[in-house]
């Protein structure tokens, strides 16, 4: 069994940053409720439920890209440009 297969068979830990493939949204794992995990957007906001089968762990490059995108969005909001954070 490869590391990739082993990682997919176990749910991500609380605090992990993952991609919700059903919604194409990146979030941080905040907890679990029944069969679902709760994710919160990197910039904060309302949590949403996701089935573990719809999660994709981020590679280092994907995580860096998501964090840079969130930092850029925060910067635009601080300057009065762009939409408010997703809720």
N, C-alpha and C. Protein backbone atom coordinates (compact mmCIF):
# COMPACT_ATOMS: atom_id res chain seq x y z
N UNK A 1 0.85 -1.18 0.00
CA UNK A 1 0.00 0.00 0.00
C UNK A 1 0.90 1.24 0.00
N UNK A 2 0.63 2.17 -0.88
CA UNK A 2 1.45 3.39 -0.95
C UNK A 2 0.98 4.37 0.10
N UNK A 3 1.80 5.40 0.37
CA UNK A 3 1.41 6.43 1.32
C UNK A 3 0.14 7.13 0.87
N UNK A 4 -0.01 7.33 -0.45
CA UNK A 4 -1.20 8.00 -0.97
C UNK A 4 -2.46 7.21 -0.62
N UNK A 5 -2.42 5.89 -0.79
CA UNK A 5 -3.59 5.06 -0.49
C UNK A 5 -3.84 5.02 1.02
N UNK A 6 -2.80 4.97 1.80
CA UNK A 6 -2.96 4.94 3.25
C UNK A 6 -3.58 6.25 3.72
N UNK A 7 -3.18 7.37 3.13
CA UNK A 7 -3.69 8.66 3.54
C UNK A 7 -5.16 8.80 3.18
N UNK A 8 -5.56 8.28 2.04
CA UNK A 8 -6.96 8.39 1.63
C UNK A 8 -7.88 7.51 2.45
N UNK A 9 -7.36 6.45 3.04
CA UNK A 9 -8.22 5.54 3.78
C UNK A 9 -8.52 6.06 5.18
N UNK A 10 -7.70 6.95 5.71
CA UNK A 10 -7.95 7.50 7.04
C UNK A 10 -8.40 8.96 6.89
N UNK A 11 -9.34 9.38 7.73
CA UNK A 11 -9.82 10.76 7.62
C UNK A 11 -8.72 11.74 8.01
N UNK A 12 -8.76 12.94 7.46
CA UNK A 12 -7.74 13.93 7.83
C UNK A 12 -7.93 14.36 9.29
N UNK A 13 -6.85 14.78 9.90
CA UNK A 13 -6.90 15.20 11.30
C UNK A 13 -7.46 16.62 11.42
N UNK A 14 -7.93 16.96 12.59
CA UNK A 14 -8.42 18.32 12.85
C UNK A 14 -7.26 19.29 12.64
N UNK A 15 -7.54 20.32 11.89
CA UNK A 15 -6.51 21.31 11.56
C UNK A 15 -5.93 21.13 10.17
N UNK A 16 -6.16 19.96 9.55
CA UNK A 16 -5.64 19.70 8.21
C UNK A 16 -6.37 20.60 7.20
N UNK A 17 -5.65 21.01 6.18
CA UNK A 17 -6.24 21.79 5.11
C UNK A 17 -6.47 20.87 3.93
N UNK A 18 -7.72 20.84 3.45
CA UNK A 18 -8.14 19.89 2.42
C UNK A 18 -8.99 20.59 1.36
N UNK A 19 -9.17 19.90 0.25
CA UNK A 19 -10.05 20.36 -0.82
C UNK A 19 -11.33 19.56 -0.77
N UNK A 20 -12.47 20.26 -0.72
CA UNK A 20 -13.78 19.64 -0.86
C UNK A 20 -14.02 19.54 -2.37
N UNK A 21 -13.88 18.34 -2.92
CA UNK A 21 -13.97 18.17 -4.37
C UNK A 21 -15.39 18.35 -4.89
N UNK A 22 -16.40 18.17 -4.03
CA UNK A 22 -17.79 18.36 -4.46
C UNK A 22 -18.09 19.83 -4.71
N UNK A 23 -17.49 20.71 -3.91
CA UNK A 23 -17.73 22.15 -4.04
C UNK A 23 -16.54 22.91 -4.60
N UNK A 24 -15.41 22.22 -4.76
CA UNK A 24 -14.16 22.84 -5.21
C UNK A 24 -13.78 24.00 -4.30
N UNK A 25 -13.85 23.74 -2.98
CA UNK A 25 -13.50 24.74 -1.97
C UNK A 25 -12.44 24.17 -1.05
N UNK A 26 -11.50 25.01 -0.67
CA UNK A 26 -10.46 24.63 0.28
C UNK A 26 -10.93 25.04 1.67
N UNK A 27 -10.71 24.16 2.63
CA UNK A 27 -11.08 24.47 4.00
C UNK A 27 -10.20 23.74 4.99
N UNK A 28 -10.32 24.16 6.23
CA UNK A 28 -9.58 23.53 7.32
C UNK A 28 -10.55 22.65 8.10
N UNK A 29 -10.14 21.43 8.41
CA UNK A 29 -10.98 20.49 9.16
C UNK A 29 -11.12 21.00 10.59
N UNK A 30 -12.38 21.21 11.02
CA UNK A 30 -12.65 21.74 12.35
C UNK A 30 -13.22 20.69 13.30
N UNK A 31 -13.81 19.64 12.75
CA UNK A 31 -14.40 18.61 13.60
C UNK A 31 -15.22 17.65 12.78
N UNK A 32 -15.98 16.82 13.48
CA UNK A 32 -16.83 15.82 12.81
C UNK A 32 -18.20 15.83 13.45
N UNK A 33 -19.19 15.56 12.63
CA UNK A 33 -20.57 15.44 13.10
C UNK A 33 -21.19 14.28 12.35
N UNK A 34 -21.43 13.17 13.04
CA UNK A 34 -21.94 11.98 12.38
C UNK A 34 -20.94 11.52 11.33
N UNK A 35 -21.43 11.23 10.12
CA UNK A 35 -20.53 10.73 9.07
C UNK A 35 -19.78 11.85 8.33
N UNK A 36 -20.03 13.09 8.69
CA UNK A 36 -19.44 14.22 7.97
C UNK A 36 -18.34 14.91 8.77
N UNK A 37 -17.45 15.57 8.04
CA UNK A 37 -16.46 16.44 8.65
C UNK A 37 -16.90 17.88 8.40
N UNK A 38 -16.57 18.76 9.33
CA UNK A 38 -16.85 20.17 9.14
C UNK A 38 -15.59 20.88 8.69
N UNK A 39 -15.74 21.67 7.63
CA UNK A 39 -14.63 22.47 7.12
C UNK A 39 -14.97 23.94 7.32
N UNK A 40 -13.95 24.75 7.52
CA UNK A 40 -14.12 26.20 7.62
C UNK A 40 -13.18 26.83 6.58
N UNK A 41 -13.66 27.86 5.88
CA UNK A 41 -12.79 28.54 4.92
C UNK A 41 -11.51 29.03 5.60
N UNK A 42 -10.42 29.10 4.85
CA UNK A 42 -9.14 29.51 5.42
C UNK A 42 -9.20 30.91 6.01
N UNK A 43 -10.00 31.78 5.42
CA UNK A 43 -10.13 33.15 5.92
C UNK A 43 -11.17 33.31 7.00
N UNK A 44 -11.71 32.20 7.49
CA UNK A 44 -12.76 32.26 8.49
C UNK A 44 -14.13 32.25 7.83
N UNK A 45 -15.14 32.12 8.61
CA UNK A 45 -16.49 32.09 8.08
C UNK A 45 -17.23 30.86 8.57
N UNK A 46 -18.36 30.63 7.96
CA UNK A 46 -19.22 29.52 8.38
C UNK A 46 -18.67 28.18 7.93
N UNK A 47 -18.78 27.21 8.81
CA UNK A 47 -18.37 25.84 8.48
C UNK A 47 -19.41 25.20 7.56
N UNK A 48 -18.95 24.21 6.82
CA UNK A 48 -19.87 23.41 6.02
C UNK A 48 -19.51 21.95 6.19
N UNK A 49 -20.50 21.09 5.97
CA UNK A 49 -20.32 19.64 6.11
C UNK A 49 -19.87 19.05 4.78
N UNK A 50 -19.02 18.05 4.89
CA UNK A 50 -18.53 17.35 3.70
C UNK A 50 -18.34 15.87 4.03
N UNK A 51 -18.69 15.04 3.07
CA UNK A 51 -18.47 13.60 3.23
C UNK A 51 -16.97 13.32 3.07
N UNK A 52 -16.41 12.46 3.89
CA UNK A 52 -14.98 12.15 3.79
C UNK A 52 -14.56 11.70 2.38
N UNK A 53 -15.45 11.05 1.65
CA UNK A 53 -15.11 10.60 0.29
C UNK A 53 -14.89 11.77 -0.66
N UNK A 54 -15.40 12.96 -0.31
CA UNK A 54 -15.26 14.14 -1.17
C UNK A 54 -14.04 14.99 -0.81
N UNK A 55 -13.18 14.48 0.06
CA UNK A 55 -12.01 15.25 0.47
C UNK A 55 -10.77 14.82 -0.29
N UNK A 56 -9.94 15.79 -0.58
CA UNK A 56 -8.65 15.54 -1.22
C UNK A 56 -7.59 16.26 -0.39
N UNK A 57 -6.63 15.53 0.18
CA UNK A 57 -5.58 16.21 0.93
C UNK A 57 -4.74 17.07 -0.01
N UNK A 58 -4.34 18.23 0.45
CA UNK A 58 -3.55 19.13 -0.39
C UNK A 58 -2.07 18.78 -0.34
N UNK A 59 -1.44 18.89 -1.48
CA UNK A 59 0.02 18.78 -1.52
C UNK A 59 0.60 20.07 -0.95
N UNK A 60 1.87 20.09 -0.72
CA UNK A 60 2.52 21.31 -0.23
C UNK A 60 2.30 22.48 -1.17
N UNK A 61 2.41 22.24 -2.47
CA UNK A 61 2.23 23.31 -3.45
C UNK A 61 0.78 23.79 -3.47
N UNK A 62 -0.18 22.88 -3.37
CA UNK A 62 -1.60 23.26 -3.35
C UNK A 62 -1.93 24.06 -2.10
N UNK A 63 -1.37 23.66 -0.97
CA UNK A 63 -1.60 24.39 0.27
C UNK A 63 -1.02 25.79 0.17
N UNK A 64 0.20 25.91 -0.32
CA UNK A 64 0.82 27.22 -0.49
C UNK A 64 -0.01 28.10 -1.40
N UNK A 65 -0.50 27.56 -2.49
CA UNK A 65 -1.33 28.31 -3.42
C UNK A 65 -2.62 28.79 -2.75
N UNK A 66 -3.26 27.93 -1.97
CA UNK A 66 -4.49 28.30 -1.27
C UNK A 66 -4.23 29.39 -0.24
N UNK A 67 -3.12 29.30 0.49
CA UNK A 67 -2.80 30.30 1.50
C UNK A 67 -2.47 31.65 0.86
N UNK A 68 -1.77 31.63 -0.27
CA UNK A 68 -1.47 32.87 -0.97
C UNK A 68 -2.75 33.50 -1.51
N UNK A 69 -3.65 32.69 -2.06
CA UNK A 69 -4.92 33.21 -2.57
C UNK A 69 -5.72 33.86 -1.44
N UNK A 70 -5.74 33.25 -0.25
CA UNK A 70 -6.46 33.82 0.87
C UNK A 70 -5.80 35.12 1.34
N UNK A 71 -4.48 35.16 1.39
CA UNK A 71 -3.78 36.38 1.78
C UNK A 71 -4.07 37.50 0.79
N UNK A 72 -4.08 37.19 -0.49
CA UNK A 72 -4.40 38.19 -1.51
C UNK A 72 -5.83 38.69 -1.35
N UNK A 73 -6.76 37.80 -1.08
CA UNK A 73 -8.16 38.19 -0.89
C UNK A 73 -8.30 39.10 0.33
N UNK A 74 -7.60 38.78 1.43
CA UNK A 74 -7.64 39.64 2.62
C UNK A 74 -7.09 41.02 2.30
N UNK A 75 -6.02 41.06 1.54
CA UNK A 75 -5.40 42.33 1.16
C UNK A 75 -6.36 43.17 0.32
N UNK A 76 -7.03 42.53 -0.65
CA UNK A 76 -7.99 43.27 -1.49
C UNK A 76 -9.14 43.80 -0.64
N UNK A 77 -9.64 42.98 0.31
CA UNK A 77 -10.74 43.43 1.17
C UNK A 77 -10.29 44.62 2.02
N UNK A 78 -9.07 44.57 2.55
CA UNK A 78 -8.56 45.65 3.39
C UNK A 78 -8.46 46.96 2.60
N UNK A 79 -8.20 46.86 1.31
CA UNK A 79 -8.09 48.03 0.45
C UNK A 79 -9.45 48.47 -0.10
N UNK A 80 -10.50 47.72 0.26
CA UNK A 80 -11.84 48.08 -0.19
C UNK A 80 -12.16 47.52 -1.57
N UNK A 81 -11.39 46.56 -2.04
CA UNK A 81 -11.63 45.93 -3.35
C UNK A 81 -12.09 44.50 -3.12
N UNK A 82 -12.91 44.02 -3.99
CA UNK A 82 -13.31 42.62 -3.94
C UNK A 82 -14.45 42.38 -2.98
N UNK A 83 -15.00 41.18 -3.06
CA UNK A 83 -16.17 40.82 -2.25
C UNK A 83 -15.76 40.52 -0.81
N UNK A 84 -16.71 40.57 0.11
CA UNK A 84 -16.42 40.17 1.49
C UNK A 84 -16.14 38.68 1.55
N UNK A 85 -15.59 38.20 2.68
CA UNK A 85 -15.29 36.76 2.78
C UNK A 85 -16.54 35.92 2.63
N UNK A 86 -16.37 34.72 2.08
CA UNK A 86 -17.49 33.78 1.91
C UNK A 86 -18.00 33.35 3.28
N UNK A 87 -19.31 33.20 3.37
CA UNK A 87 -19.89 32.74 4.64
C UNK A 87 -20.68 31.49 4.42
